[in-house]
N, C-alpha and C. Protein backbone atom coordinates (compact mmCIF):
# COMPACT_ATOMS: atom_id res chain seq x y z
N MET A 1 107.07 109.64 32.47
CA MET A 1 107.98 108.19 33.30
C MET A 1 106.90 107.11 34.45
N SER A 2 107.50 106.17 33.62
CA SER A 2 107.64 104.67 33.45
C SER A 2 106.21 103.97 34.32
N GLU A 3 105.78 103.25 33.67
CA GLU A 3 105.00 102.66 35.20
C GLU A 3 104.90 101.36 35.07
N THR A 4 106.20 100.75 34.58
CA THR A 4 106.57 98.75 34.55
C THR A 4 106.69 98.74 35.72
N SER A 5 107.61 99.13 36.41
CA SER A 5 107.63 98.35 38.09
C SER A 5 107.45 99.72 39.02
N SER A 6 106.53 98.41 40.14
CA SER A 6 105.42 99.00 41.02
C SER A 6 106.46 100.23 41.95
N THR A 7 107.85 100.01 41.60
CA THR A 7 108.70 101.23 42.28
C THR A 7 108.66 102.83 41.74
N ASN A 8 108.01 102.61 40.02
CA ASN A 8 107.80 104.16 39.27
C ASN A 8 106.63 104.47 39.05
N ILE A 9 105.82 103.37 39.61
CA ILE A 9 103.99 103.95 38.82
C ILE A 9 104.07 104.92 40.77
N ILE A 10 103.68 106.04 39.98
CA ILE A 10 102.70 106.87 40.32
C ILE A 10 101.33 106.31 40.84
N TYR A 11 101.11 106.23 41.99
CA TYR A 11 100.40 106.00 42.55
C TYR A 11 99.28 106.83 43.40
N VAL A 12 99.66 108.36 44.50
CA VAL A 12 99.44 109.04 44.17
C VAL A 12 99.21 110.34 44.00
N LYS A 13 98.78 110.50 43.28
CA LYS A 13 99.22 111.33 42.15
C LYS A 13 98.32 113.65 42.29
N TYR A 14 97.50 113.15 43.31
CA TYR A 14 96.78 114.97 43.72
C TYR A 14 96.66 114.36 44.83
N PHE A 15 96.62 115.47 45.86
CA PHE A 15 96.96 115.64 47.58
C PHE A 15 96.35 117.34 47.35
N LEU A 16 94.97 117.17 48.07
CA LEU A 16 94.00 118.34 48.05
C LEU A 16 93.80 118.81 49.93
N ILE A 17 94.07 119.77 50.11
CA ILE A 17 93.26 120.28 51.81
C ILE A 17 93.38 121.33 51.17
N GLY A 18 91.63 121.22 52.00
CA GLY A 18 91.20 122.58 51.59
C GLY A 18 90.13 123.41 53.09
N ASN A 19 89.73 124.13 53.25
CA ASN A 19 88.71 124.38 54.52
C ASN A 19 87.50 125.04 53.58
N ILE A 20 86.34 123.92 54.67
CA ILE A 20 84.82 124.28 53.62
C ILE A 20 84.22 125.19 54.43
N ASP A 21 84.56 125.93 55.28
CA ASP A 21 84.28 127.10 56.15
C ASP A 21 84.36 128.54 54.52
N THR A 22 85.85 128.58 54.32
CA THR A 22 86.13 129.53 53.56
C THR A 22 86.44 129.29 51.89
N TYR A 23 86.14 128.18 51.76
CA TYR A 23 86.13 127.96 50.84
C TYR A 23 87.83 127.57 49.43
N THR A 24 88.35 127.98 51.02
CA THR A 24 89.62 127.95 50.32
C THR A 24 90.67 126.53 50.37
N THR A 25 91.35 126.78 49.22
CA THR A 25 92.49 125.31 49.16
C THR A 25 93.55 125.74 50.62
N ILE A 26 94.37 124.95 50.85
CA ILE A 26 95.04 125.42 52.18
C ILE A 26 96.57 124.54 51.59
N THR A 27 95.96 123.78 50.53
CA THR A 27 97.73 123.51 50.11
C THR A 27 97.61 122.43 49.10
N GLU A 28 98.10 122.02 47.73
CA GLU A 28 97.87 121.38 46.79
C GLU A 28 99.68 120.82 46.38
N TYR A 29 99.22 119.51 45.89
CA TYR A 29 99.93 118.15 45.76
C TYR A 29 99.67 117.26 44.69
N SER A 30 100.68 117.94 43.33
CA SER A 30 100.55 117.65 42.38
C SER A 30 101.90 116.88 41.43
N THR A 31 101.60 115.65 40.64
CA THR A 31 102.19 115.42 40.36
C THR A 31 102.28 115.00 38.87
N ASN A 32 103.56 114.37 38.05
CA ASN A 32 103.26 114.85 36.73
C ASN A 32 102.30 113.94 36.13
N ALA A 33 101.93 112.59 36.80
CA ALA A 33 100.88 112.09 35.96
C ALA A 33 99.53 112.12 36.55
N LEU A 34 99.27 113.62 37.23
CA LEU A 34 97.96 114.27 37.39
C LEU A 34 97.68 115.03 35.70
N GLY A 35 96.72 115.46 34.95
CA GLY A 35 96.01 116.09 33.78
C GLY A 35 95.08 117.09 34.25
N SER A 36 95.13 118.31 33.58
CA SER A 36 94.67 119.19 33.71
C SER A 36 92.88 118.70 34.68
N LYS A 37 92.27 117.76 33.77
CA LYS A 37 90.93 117.57 33.76
C LYS A 37 91.04 116.87 35.16
N GLU A 38 91.76 115.80 35.35
CA GLU A 38 91.57 115.56 36.81
C GLU A 38 91.49 116.22 37.88
N LYS A 39 91.96 117.50 37.90
CA LYS A 39 92.25 118.58 38.78
C LYS A 39 90.96 119.52 39.01
N LYS A 40 91.03 119.57 38.02
CA LYS A 40 89.60 120.19 37.82
C LYS A 40 88.62 119.84 38.38
N ASN A 41 88.24 118.27 37.94
CA ASN A 41 87.42 117.11 39.01
C ASN A 41 87.61 117.05 40.32
N ALA A 42 88.20 117.56 40.78
CA ALA A 42 89.34 116.99 42.27
C ALA A 42 88.11 118.39 42.83
N ASN A 43 88.84 119.76 42.31
CA ASN A 43 87.98 121.22 42.62
C ASN A 43 86.41 121.05 43.20
N GLN A 44 85.96 120.59 41.91
CA GLN A 44 84.68 120.66 41.70
C GLN A 44 84.52 120.22 43.09
N ILE A 45 84.83 118.80 43.00
CA ILE A 45 84.03 117.34 44.42
C ILE A 45 84.62 118.71 46.20
N PHE A 46 86.01 119.66 45.88
CA PHE A 46 86.18 119.93 46.66
C PHE A 46 84.79 120.90 47.06
N GLN A 47 84.76 121.89 45.59
CA GLN A 47 83.24 122.77 45.51
C GLN A 47 81.81 122.57 46.28
N ARG A 48 81.57 120.95 46.37
CA ARG A 48 80.40 120.41 45.87
C ARG A 48 80.35 120.18 47.64
N ILE A 49 81.23 119.68 48.01
CA ILE A 49 81.72 119.70 49.71
C ILE A 49 81.41 120.50 50.55
N CYS A 50 82.35 122.07 50.19
CA CYS A 50 81.61 122.90 50.73
C CYS A 50 80.10 123.46 50.59
N LYS A 51 80.02 123.39 49.09
CA LYS A 51 78.43 123.96 49.59
C LYS A 51 77.51 123.26 50.34
N SER A 52 78.09 121.88 50.54
CA SER A 52 77.04 120.68 50.97
C SER A 52 77.10 121.27 52.43
N ASN A 53 75.29 120.42 53.43
CA ASN A 53 75.16 120.69 54.54
C ASN A 53 75.61 119.39 55.22
N GLU A 54 75.74 118.67 54.78
CA GLU A 54 76.21 117.75 54.87
C GLU A 54 77.76 117.17 56.01
N ARG A 55 77.97 117.57 57.16
CA ARG A 55 78.83 116.98 57.72
C ARG A 55 79.78 115.79 58.40
N ARG A 56 80.06 114.94 57.80
CA ARG A 56 79.61 113.73 58.06
C ARG A 56 81.76 113.73 58.24
N TYR A 57 81.91 113.60 59.54
CA TYR A 57 83.18 113.88 59.47
C TYR A 57 84.05 112.17 59.34
N GLU A 58 85.38 111.86 59.39
CA GLU A 58 85.67 110.46 59.33
C GLU A 58 85.15 109.66 58.19
N GLU A 59 84.37 110.03 57.35
CA GLU A 59 83.71 109.31 56.65
C GLU A 59 84.62 108.75 55.62
N ARG A 60 84.59 107.66 54.91
CA ARG A 60 85.42 107.14 53.63
C ARG A 60 84.62 107.26 52.69
N ASN A 61 85.38 108.77 52.18
CA ASN A 61 84.35 108.64 50.77
C ASN A 61 84.77 108.06 49.33
N ILE A 62 84.97 107.49 48.44
CA ILE A 62 85.48 107.38 47.42
C ILE A 62 84.55 107.46 45.63
N ILE A 63 84.53 107.93 45.06
CA ILE A 63 84.40 108.33 43.70
C ILE A 63 84.89 107.77 42.86
N SER A 64 85.11 106.82 41.43
CA SER A 64 85.58 106.11 41.04
C SER A 64 85.53 106.92 39.44
N ALA A 65 86.52 106.93 38.32
CA ALA A 65 87.15 107.65 37.49
C ALA A 65 87.71 106.45 36.24
N LYS A 66 87.73 105.55 35.75
CA LYS A 66 87.66 105.02 34.93
C LYS A 66 89.12 103.71 35.67
N GLU A 67 90.25 104.69 35.18
CA GLU A 67 91.76 103.77 35.73
C GLU A 67 91.89 103.84 37.80
N ASN A 68 91.12 105.34 37.89
CA ASN A 68 91.75 106.12 39.31
C ASN A 68 90.37 106.10 40.08
N LYS A 69 90.97 106.69 40.94
CA LYS A 69 89.97 106.96 42.32
C LYS A 69 89.79 108.22 42.68
N TYR A 70 88.78 109.16 43.33
CA TYR A 70 88.77 109.89 44.13
C TYR A 70 88.66 109.61 45.33
N TYR A 71 89.35 109.96 46.36
CA TYR A 71 89.06 109.63 48.01
C TYR A 71 89.11 110.63 48.80
N PHE A 72 88.01 111.16 49.48
CA PHE A 72 88.13 112.31 50.67
C PHE A 72 87.91 111.88 51.62
N SER A 73 87.65 112.98 52.54
CA SER A 73 86.90 112.56 53.80
C SER A 73 87.31 113.78 54.95
N LEU A 74 85.97 114.66 55.58
CA LEU A 74 85.99 115.50 56.13
C LEU A 74 86.87 115.34 57.31
N PHE A 75 87.55 116.05 57.93
CA PHE A 75 87.82 116.23 59.54
C PHE A 75 87.12 117.71 60.19
N GLU A 76 87.55 117.32 61.45
CA GLU A 76 87.58 118.43 62.57
C GLU A 76 89.36 119.77 62.44
N PRO A 77 89.14 121.00 62.11
CA PRO A 77 87.53 121.78 61.82
C PRO A 77 87.45 121.91 60.54
N ASN A 78 86.47 121.31 60.18
CA ASN A 78 85.97 121.42 58.98
C ASN A 78 86.80 121.84 58.22
N ILE A 79 88.06 120.77 57.92
CA ILE A 79 88.89 120.25 56.86
C ILE A 79 88.60 119.19 56.26
N VAL A 80 88.91 119.73 54.97
CA VAL A 80 88.56 118.16 54.35
C VAL A 80 90.02 117.42 53.13
N PHE A 81 90.37 116.75 52.90
CA PHE A 81 91.70 115.63 52.07
C PHE A 81 91.27 115.28 50.83
N ILE A 82 91.26 115.65 50.02
CA ILE A 82 91.19 114.93 48.74
C ILE A 82 92.05 114.59 47.96
N VAL A 83 92.07 113.45 47.66
CA VAL A 83 92.97 112.36 46.98
C VAL A 83 92.73 112.01 45.79
N TYR A 84 93.58 111.79 44.59
CA TYR A 84 93.25 111.30 43.32
C TYR A 84 94.67 109.77 43.42
N ALA A 85 93.96 108.86 43.03
CA ALA A 85 94.78 107.74 43.39
C ALA A 85 94.53 106.86 42.53
N ASN A 86 95.50 106.22 42.00
CA ASN A 86 95.14 105.00 40.92
C ASN A 86 94.07 103.90 41.83
N ALA A 87 93.90 103.38 40.92
CA ALA A 87 92.22 102.90 41.01
C ALA A 87 92.69 101.51 41.78
N SER A 88 93.81 101.04 41.35
CA SER A 88 94.84 99.46 42.06
C SER A 88 95.43 99.96 43.37
N TYR A 89 95.12 100.75 43.68
CA TYR A 89 96.07 101.44 45.36
C TYR A 89 95.08 101.09 46.59
N PRO A 90 95.19 100.45 47.77
CA PRO A 90 94.58 99.91 48.52
C PRO A 90 94.67 100.74 49.02
N GLU A 91 92.99 101.07 49.65
CA GLU A 91 92.02 101.99 49.60
C GLU A 91 92.55 102.11 51.36
N LYS A 92 92.54 101.02 51.90
CA LYS A 92 93.23 101.27 53.71
C LYS A 92 94.75 102.05 53.74
N LEU A 93 95.09 101.75 52.45
CA LEU A 93 97.28 103.41 52.73
C LEU A 93 96.20 104.78 51.98
N ILE A 94 95.59 104.98 51.51
CA ILE A 94 94.87 106.20 51.47
C ILE A 94 94.20 107.03 52.45
N PHE A 95 93.31 105.79 53.53
CA PHE A 95 93.00 106.32 54.26
C PHE A 95 94.13 105.89 55.93
N GLY A 96 94.81 105.34 55.25
CA GLY A 96 95.85 105.23 56.52
C GLY A 96 97.26 106.92 56.00
N MET A 97 97.22 107.45 55.01
CA MET A 97 98.06 108.26 54.65
C MET A 97 97.36 109.26 55.16
N PHE A 98 95.87 109.69 55.64
CA PHE A 98 95.06 110.55 55.76
C PHE A 98 95.18 110.73 57.27
N ASP A 99 95.51 109.88 58.16
CA ASP A 99 95.46 109.17 59.35
C ASP A 99 96.89 109.93 59.47
N GLU A 100 98.08 109.42 59.46
CA GLU A 100 99.34 109.70 58.69
C GLU A 100 99.79 111.39 59.03
N VAL A 101 99.00 112.24 57.73
CA VAL A 101 99.69 113.95 57.53
C VAL A 101 98.58 114.21 58.99
N ARG A 102 97.40 113.77 59.22
CA ARG A 102 96.99 114.18 60.86
C ARG A 102 97.82 114.05 61.79
N ASN A 103 98.51 112.86 62.47
CA ASN A 103 99.04 112.25 63.22
C ASN A 103 100.57 113.21 63.40
N GLU A 104 101.27 112.99 61.81
CA GLU A 104 102.45 114.42 62.05
C GLU A 104 102.41 116.12 62.06
N ASN A 105 100.40 116.29 62.45
CA ASN A 105 100.37 117.66 62.65
C ASN A 105 100.57 118.42 62.23
N VAL A 106 100.73 117.83 60.47
CA VAL A 106 101.09 118.84 59.00
C VAL A 106 99.61 119.87 59.39
N LEU A 107 98.48 119.84 59.62
CA LEU A 107 97.62 120.98 59.67
C LEU A 107 97.99 122.02 60.81
N SER A 108 98.79 121.56 62.06
CA SER A 108 99.05 122.49 62.73
C SER A 108 99.76 123.97 62.10
N MET A 109 100.64 123.45 60.98
CA MET A 109 101.42 124.72 60.03
C MET A 109 101.04 125.04 59.22
N ILE A 110 99.44 125.63 59.57
CA ILE A 110 99.13 126.74 58.36
C ILE A 110 99.27 127.98 58.91
N ASN A 111 100.35 129.00 58.45
CA ASN A 111 100.34 129.91 58.03
C ASN A 111 98.83 130.90 58.78
N GLU A 112 98.90 131.60 59.63
CA GLU A 112 97.46 132.64 60.56
C GLU A 112 97.82 133.26 59.32
N GLU A 113 98.41 134.45 58.73
CA GLU A 113 97.85 135.20 57.72
C GLU A 113 97.70 135.15 56.38
N THR A 114 98.06 133.97 55.67
CA THR A 114 98.05 133.56 54.26
C THR A 114 96.64 132.08 54.40
N LYS A 115 96.87 131.66 55.44
CA LYS A 115 96.06 130.27 55.76
C LYS A 115 96.47 129.29 54.48
N GLU A 116 97.70 129.63 54.02
CA GLU A 116 98.05 128.10 53.30
C GLU A 116 98.65 127.48 54.30
N LEU A 117 99.06 126.33 53.90
CA LEU A 117 100.38 125.64 54.32
C LEU A 117 101.51 126.23 54.33
N ASN A 118 102.52 126.76 55.23
CA ASN A 118 103.93 126.59 54.99
C ASN A 118 104.92 126.07 54.70
N PRO A 119 106.18 126.63 54.29
CA PRO A 119 106.67 125.26 53.88
C PRO A 119 107.45 124.12 54.07
N SER A 120 107.36 124.12 55.91
CA SER A 120 107.80 123.20 57.01
C SER A 120 106.94 122.22 56.58
N GLY A 121 105.38 122.50 56.56
CA GLY A 121 103.81 121.43 56.33
C GLY A 121 103.96 120.88 55.02
N ARG A 122 104.39 121.85 54.48
CA ARG A 122 104.81 120.91 52.64
C ARG A 122 105.42 120.73 52.45
N GLN A 123 106.50 120.62 53.45
CA GLN A 123 108.04 119.56 53.06
C GLN A 123 107.40 118.54 53.70
N CYS A 124 106.96 118.42 54.85
CA CYS A 124 105.81 117.03 56.19
C CYS A 124 105.39 116.32 54.80
N LEU A 125 104.40 116.91 54.16
CA LEU A 125 102.90 116.62 53.54
C LEU A 125 103.67 115.50 52.73
N LYS A 126 104.92 116.67 51.44
CA LYS A 126 105.36 116.17 50.05
C LYS A 126 106.32 114.44 50.36
N GLN A 127 107.00 114.50 52.04
CA GLN A 127 107.64 113.05 52.60
C GLN A 127 106.20 112.25 52.33
N ILE A 128 105.69 112.45 53.66
CA ILE A 128 104.34 111.37 53.62
C ILE A 128 104.29 110.76 51.95
N ILE A 129 103.45 111.73 51.15
CA ILE A 129 103.01 111.73 50.40
C ILE A 129 104.20 110.64 49.50
N GLU A 130 104.95 110.92 49.69
CA GLU A 130 106.17 109.83 48.32
C GLU A 130 106.85 109.05 49.28
N LYS A 131 106.33 108.85 50.44
CA LYS A 131 105.98 107.71 51.85
C LYS A 131 105.32 106.90 51.22
N TYR A 132 104.09 106.89 50.65
CA TYR A 132 103.52 105.85 50.45
C TYR A 132 103.03 105.76 48.71
N GLN A 133 104.23 106.82 48.11
CA GLN A 133 104.23 106.30 46.92
C GLN A 133 104.17 104.42 46.31
N ASP A 134 105.14 103.80 47.54
CA ASP A 134 105.97 102.58 47.62
C ASP A 134 104.90 101.75 48.18
N LYS A 135 104.29 101.32 47.07
CA LYS A 135 102.88 100.12 48.00
C LYS A 135 103.39 99.33 48.92
N GLU A 136 104.73 98.46 48.40
CA GLU A 136 105.08 97.62 48.75
C GLU A 136 105.71 97.49 50.26
N LYS A 137 106.07 98.69 49.98
CA LYS A 137 107.11 99.24 50.98
C LYS A 137 106.00 99.20 52.16
N ILE A 138 105.61 100.27 52.13
CA ILE A 138 103.91 100.95 52.99
C ILE A 138 102.72 99.74 53.41
N ASP A 139 102.54 98.52 52.74
CA ASP A 139 101.81 97.52 52.74
C ASP A 139 102.06 96.62 53.52
N LYS A 140 103.60 96.29 53.62
CA LYS A 140 104.26 95.89 54.46
C LYS A 140 104.91 96.28 56.08
N ILE A 141 104.70 97.91 55.95
CA ILE A 141 104.81 98.06 57.09
C ILE A 141 103.82 98.75 58.50
N ALA A 142 102.50 98.97 57.28
CA ALA A 142 101.14 98.50 57.81
C ALA A 142 100.90 97.35 58.19
N SER A 143 101.24 96.41 57.62
CA SER A 143 101.03 95.26 58.10
C SER A 143 101.67 94.61 59.28
N ILE A 144 103.65 94.98 59.39
CA ILE A 144 103.75 95.03 60.27
C ILE A 144 103.32 95.41 62.01
N GLN A 145 102.73 96.52 61.90
CA GLN A 145 102.02 97.51 62.40
C GLN A 145 100.69 96.87 63.08
N LYS A 146 100.06 96.39 61.93
CA LYS A 146 98.92 95.56 62.65
C LYS A 146 99.28 94.53 63.21
N GLY A 147 100.40 94.10 63.14
CA GLY A 147 100.63 92.64 64.09
C GLY A 147 101.64 93.45 65.65
N ILE A 148 102.02 94.31 65.26
CA ILE A 148 102.20 94.72 66.83
C ILE A 148 101.09 95.75 67.56
N ASP A 149 99.97 95.95 67.14
CA ASP A 149 99.08 96.38 67.45
C ASP A 149 98.10 94.75 68.16
N ASP A 150 98.23 94.30 67.15
CA ASP A 150 97.27 92.74 67.94
C ASP A 150 98.29 92.14 69.02
N ALA A 151 99.00 92.14 69.21
CA ALA A 151 99.81 91.68 70.22
C ALA A 151 99.78 92.46 71.01
N LYS A 152 99.66 93.57 71.10
CA LYS A 152 99.48 94.83 72.22
C LYS A 152 98.11 94.49 72.88
N ILE A 153 96.78 93.95 71.74
CA ILE A 153 95.40 93.76 72.58
C ILE A 153 95.44 93.10 73.32
N GLU A 154 96.12 91.97 72.29
CA GLU A 154 96.36 90.26 73.69
C GLU A 154 97.06 90.39 74.42
N ILE A 155 97.97 90.96 74.30
CA ILE A 155 98.85 91.09 75.53
C ILE A 155 98.21 92.12 76.81
N LYS A 156 96.77 93.10 76.45
CA LYS A 156 95.76 93.80 77.33
C LYS A 156 94.77 93.19 77.50
N LYS A 157 94.70 92.32 76.87
CA LYS A 157 93.26 91.49 77.54
C LYS A 157 93.88 90.00 78.20
N ASN A 158 95.16 89.67 78.32
CA ASN A 158 95.96 88.93 79.52
C ASN A 158 96.17 89.44 80.34
N ILE A 159 96.58 90.51 80.51
CA ILE A 159 96.95 91.39 81.34
C ILE A 159 95.36 91.84 82.37
N ASN A 160 94.73 91.55 81.38
CA ASN A 160 92.77 91.78 81.90
C ASN A 160 92.33 90.70 82.43
N LYS A 161 92.93 89.74 82.11
CA LYS A 161 92.55 88.54 82.79
C LYS A 161 93.18 88.07 84.10
N MET A 162 94.91 88.35 84.08
CA MET A 162 95.06 87.96 85.11
C MET A 162 94.09 88.68 86.38
N VAL A 163 94.24 90.06 85.91
CA VAL A 163 93.75 90.92 87.18
C VAL A 163 92.28 90.84 87.36
N GLU A 164 91.77 89.95 86.03
CA GLU A 164 90.29 89.41 87.10
C GLU A 164 90.53 88.29 87.62
N ASN A 165 91.12 87.46 87.46
CA ASN A 165 91.39 86.16 87.95
C ASN A 165 92.26 86.90 89.54
N VAL A 166 92.99 87.76 90.04
CA VAL A 166 93.04 88.61 90.60
C VAL A 166 92.16 88.49 91.78
N ASP A 167 91.29 89.47 91.28
CA ASP A 167 90.27 90.06 92.17
C ASP A 167 89.01 88.59 92.23
N ASP A 168 89.28 87.52 91.23
CA ASP A 168 88.06 85.90 91.49
C ASP A 168 88.82 85.45 93.10
N ILE A 169 90.35 85.90 93.36
CA ILE A 169 91.53 85.04 94.26
C ILE A 169 90.72 85.93 95.51
N GLU A 170 91.01 87.16 95.50
CA GLU A 170 90.51 88.13 96.51
C GLU A 170 89.37 87.79 97.16
N THR A 171 87.95 87.73 96.00
CA THR A 171 86.50 87.35 96.40
C THR A 171 86.37 86.30 96.50
N LEU A 172 87.23 84.63 96.58
CA LEU A 172 87.29 84.04 97.20
C LEU A 172 87.77 83.54 98.60
N GLU A 173 88.85 84.62 98.58
CA GLU A 173 89.75 84.40 99.81
C GLU A 173 88.59 85.59 100.90
N ASN A 174 87.81 85.89 100.47
CA ASN A 174 87.04 87.01 101.36
C ASN A 174 85.34 86.20 101.65
N GLN A 175 84.94 85.80 100.43
CA GLN A 175 84.21 84.55 101.00
C GLN A 175 84.49 82.86 101.72
N ALA A 176 85.99 83.17 101.54
CA ALA A 176 86.32 82.44 102.93
C ALA A 176 86.18 82.18 104.18
N LYS A 177 86.65 83.22 104.12
CA LYS A 177 86.86 84.56 105.93
C LYS A 177 85.87 84.31 106.37
N GLN A 178 84.90 85.12 105.68
CA GLN A 178 83.48 85.08 105.75
C GLN A 178 83.14 84.34 106.30
N LEU A 179 83.16 82.52 105.38
CA LEU A 179 82.51 81.02 106.11
C LEU A 179 83.02 81.26 107.52
N SER A 180 84.33 81.07 107.19
CA SER A 180 85.41 81.01 108.41
C SER A 180 84.58 81.30 109.54
N VAL A 181 84.27 82.57 109.79
CA VAL A 181 83.72 83.48 110.54
C VAL A 181 82.17 82.55 111.21
N ALA A 182 81.47 82.31 109.70
CA ALA A 182 80.56 81.80 110.40
C ALA A 182 80.44 80.86 110.86
N SER A 183 80.88 79.93 110.37
CA SER A 183 81.70 78.44 111.14
C SER A 183 81.83 78.89 112.68
N GLU A 184 82.64 79.29 112.95
CA GLU A 184 82.98 79.42 114.39
C GLU A 184 82.07 80.33 115.19
N ASP A 185 80.78 80.84 114.71
CA ASP A 185 79.97 81.61 115.53
C ASP A 185 78.95 80.15 115.35
N TYR A 186 78.25 79.62 113.67
CA TYR A 186 77.97 78.31 114.30
C TYR A 186 78.00 77.37 115.47
N LEU A 187 79.69 76.85 115.82
CA LEU A 187 80.15 76.34 116.41
C LEU A 187 79.81 76.56 117.53
N ASN A 188 79.78 77.95 117.95
CA ASN A 188 79.75 78.64 120.17
C ASN A 188 78.43 78.68 119.93
N SER A 189 77.76 78.82 118.52
CA SER A 189 76.25 78.25 118.83
C SER A 189 75.65 77.56 119.68
N ALA A 190 76.20 76.30 118.55
CA ALA A 190 76.38 75.01 118.81
C ALA A 190 76.76 74.45 120.60
N GLU A 191 77.44 75.06 120.43
CA GLU A 191 77.94 74.73 122.06
C GLU A 191 77.64 74.86 123.62
N GLU A 192 77.20 76.08 123.02
CA GLU A 192 76.40 76.54 123.74
C GLU A 192 74.90 76.49 124.58
N MET A 193 74.33 75.72 123.16
CA MET A 193 73.03 75.21 122.92
C MET A 193 73.00 73.76 123.61
N LYS A 194 74.45 72.82 123.35
CA LYS A 194 74.86 72.00 124.19
C LYS A 194 74.72 72.27 125.57
N ASN A 195 75.28 72.78 126.16
CA ASN A 195 75.23 73.15 127.53
C ASN A 195 74.19 73.45 128.48
N ILE A 196 73.04 74.12 127.77
CA ILE A 196 71.99 74.83 128.20
C ILE A 196 70.45 73.22 127.39
N THR A 197 71.38 72.45 127.13
CA THR A 197 70.05 71.37 126.91
C THR A 197 71.00 70.31 128.03
N ILE A 198 71.95 69.91 128.52
CA ILE A 198 72.71 69.48 129.72
C ILE A 198 71.86 69.92 130.71
N TRP A 199 72.45 71.37 130.65
CA TRP A 199 71.55 71.54 131.89
C TRP A 199 69.97 71.25 132.52
N GLN A 200 69.22 71.65 131.16
CA GLN A 200 67.69 71.16 131.74
C GLN A 200 67.73 70.60 131.59
N ASN A 201 68.29 68.98 131.01
CA ASN A 201 68.06 67.94 131.00
C ASN A 201 68.70 67.32 133.12
N PHE A 202 69.61 68.51 133.11
CA PHE A 202 70.59 67.76 134.83
C PHE A 202 68.86 68.53 135.74
N LYS A 203 68.32 69.77 135.52
CA LYS A 203 66.98 70.24 136.23
C LYS A 203 65.93 69.19 136.07
N LEU A 204 66.11 68.03 134.59
CA LEU A 204 64.87 67.36 134.63
C LEU A 204 64.54 66.37 135.45
N TRP A 205 65.87 65.86 135.63
CA TRP A 205 66.52 64.73 136.80
C TRP A 205 65.88 65.04 138.06
N ILE A 206 66.87 65.80 138.19
CA ILE A 206 66.43 66.62 139.79
C ILE A 206 65.00 66.17 140.44
N ILE A 207 64.26 66.73 139.49
CA ILE A 207 62.76 67.18 139.06
C ILE A 207 62.90 66.09 139.86
N ILE A 208 62.25 64.88 138.64
CA ILE A 208 62.51 63.70 138.67
C ILE A 208 62.76 63.05 140.02
N PHE A 209 64.03 62.63 140.48
CA PHE A 209 64.22 61.81 141.62
C PHE A 209 63.35 62.53 143.25
N SER A 210 63.66 64.22 143.14
CA SER A 210 62.92 64.53 143.96
C SER A 210 61.13 64.27 144.44
N VAL A 211 60.51 64.08 143.00
CA VAL A 211 59.54 63.53 143.08
C VAL A 211 59.06 61.96 143.78
N ILE A 212 59.83 61.12 143.12
CA ILE A 212 60.54 60.03 143.41
C ILE A 212 60.54 59.58 144.70
N LEU A 213 61.62 60.64 145.21
CA LEU A 213 62.40 60.42 146.78
C LEU A 213 60.78 60.82 147.50
N PHE A 214 60.43 61.91 147.23
CA PHE A 214 59.24 62.50 148.10
C PHE A 214 57.83 61.29 148.25
N ILE A 215 57.46 60.14 146.84
CA ILE A 215 57.18 59.95 146.93
C ILE A 215 56.98 58.32 147.91
N PHE A 216 57.69 58.01 147.91
CA PHE A 216 58.70 57.06 148.86
C PHE A 216 58.58 57.44 150.01
N VAL A 217 58.73 58.62 150.68
CA VAL A 217 58.82 59.24 152.39
C VAL A 217 57.14 58.95 152.32
N ILE A 218 56.86 59.35 151.61
CA ILE A 218 54.83 59.63 152.01
C ILE A 218 54.69 57.91 151.88
N ILE A 219 55.16 56.88 151.42
CA ILE A 219 54.72 55.66 151.39
C ILE A 219 54.86 55.32 152.56
N LEU A 220 56.19 55.40 152.83
CA LEU A 220 56.95 54.98 154.40
C LEU A 220 56.45 55.43 155.30
N CYS A 221 55.87 56.73 155.19
CA CYS A 221 54.91 57.29 156.70
C CYS A 221 53.76 56.52 156.70
N SER A 222 53.34 55.99 155.86
CA SER A 222 51.93 55.10 155.58
C SER A 222 52.02 54.18 156.56
N ILE A 223 53.23 53.34 155.97
CA ILE A 223 53.44 51.73 156.58
C ILE A 223 53.66 52.20 158.67
N PHE A 224 54.67 52.97 158.62
CA PHE A 224 55.08 52.98 160.45
C PHE A 224 54.17 54.08 160.49
């Protein structure tokens, strides 16, 4: 197959799904662009992962091999994806393909008896891989999706701000109500204090007047 145009380039050349607990291959997808040596290398990577004691899930791993690369990630329940692809192919699309395989529930199509992917699962995997062979198209879709996701995030932020503003308004209203009640209490207390002060002043003037009157009476009695 010619690699003169982007639509004819086989970017994804091999896809292996394996179970590292049982050391068994669940399914393999190969193209004419894959050589026996490259397939052997992919299987050796699989065997090394099976024997490793490390279990780093959803980590993006890359091994360079001249003009091509091996990509692999481990997912629950101890399932590994290994892809052999053209080095010029964006790695974000490789790992995006991993996510799509999982989102399409391809792993749920494993035959319980043979522990291999059933025909429906293999067909679904093939369709996903063939879709990702068109780098420009899938990259454009990814860009559009990113724009949609960014718009969703922005809308969510705006909604959160609106909710926060509503909360702020409600808080201010409650504070205003509390201030209004406090002001009324203060005014009532001030009015009460004013009345008490007036009454106390009135009693004081009565006492003063009485004393003056008493003194005046005493003076008059002494004269007469």
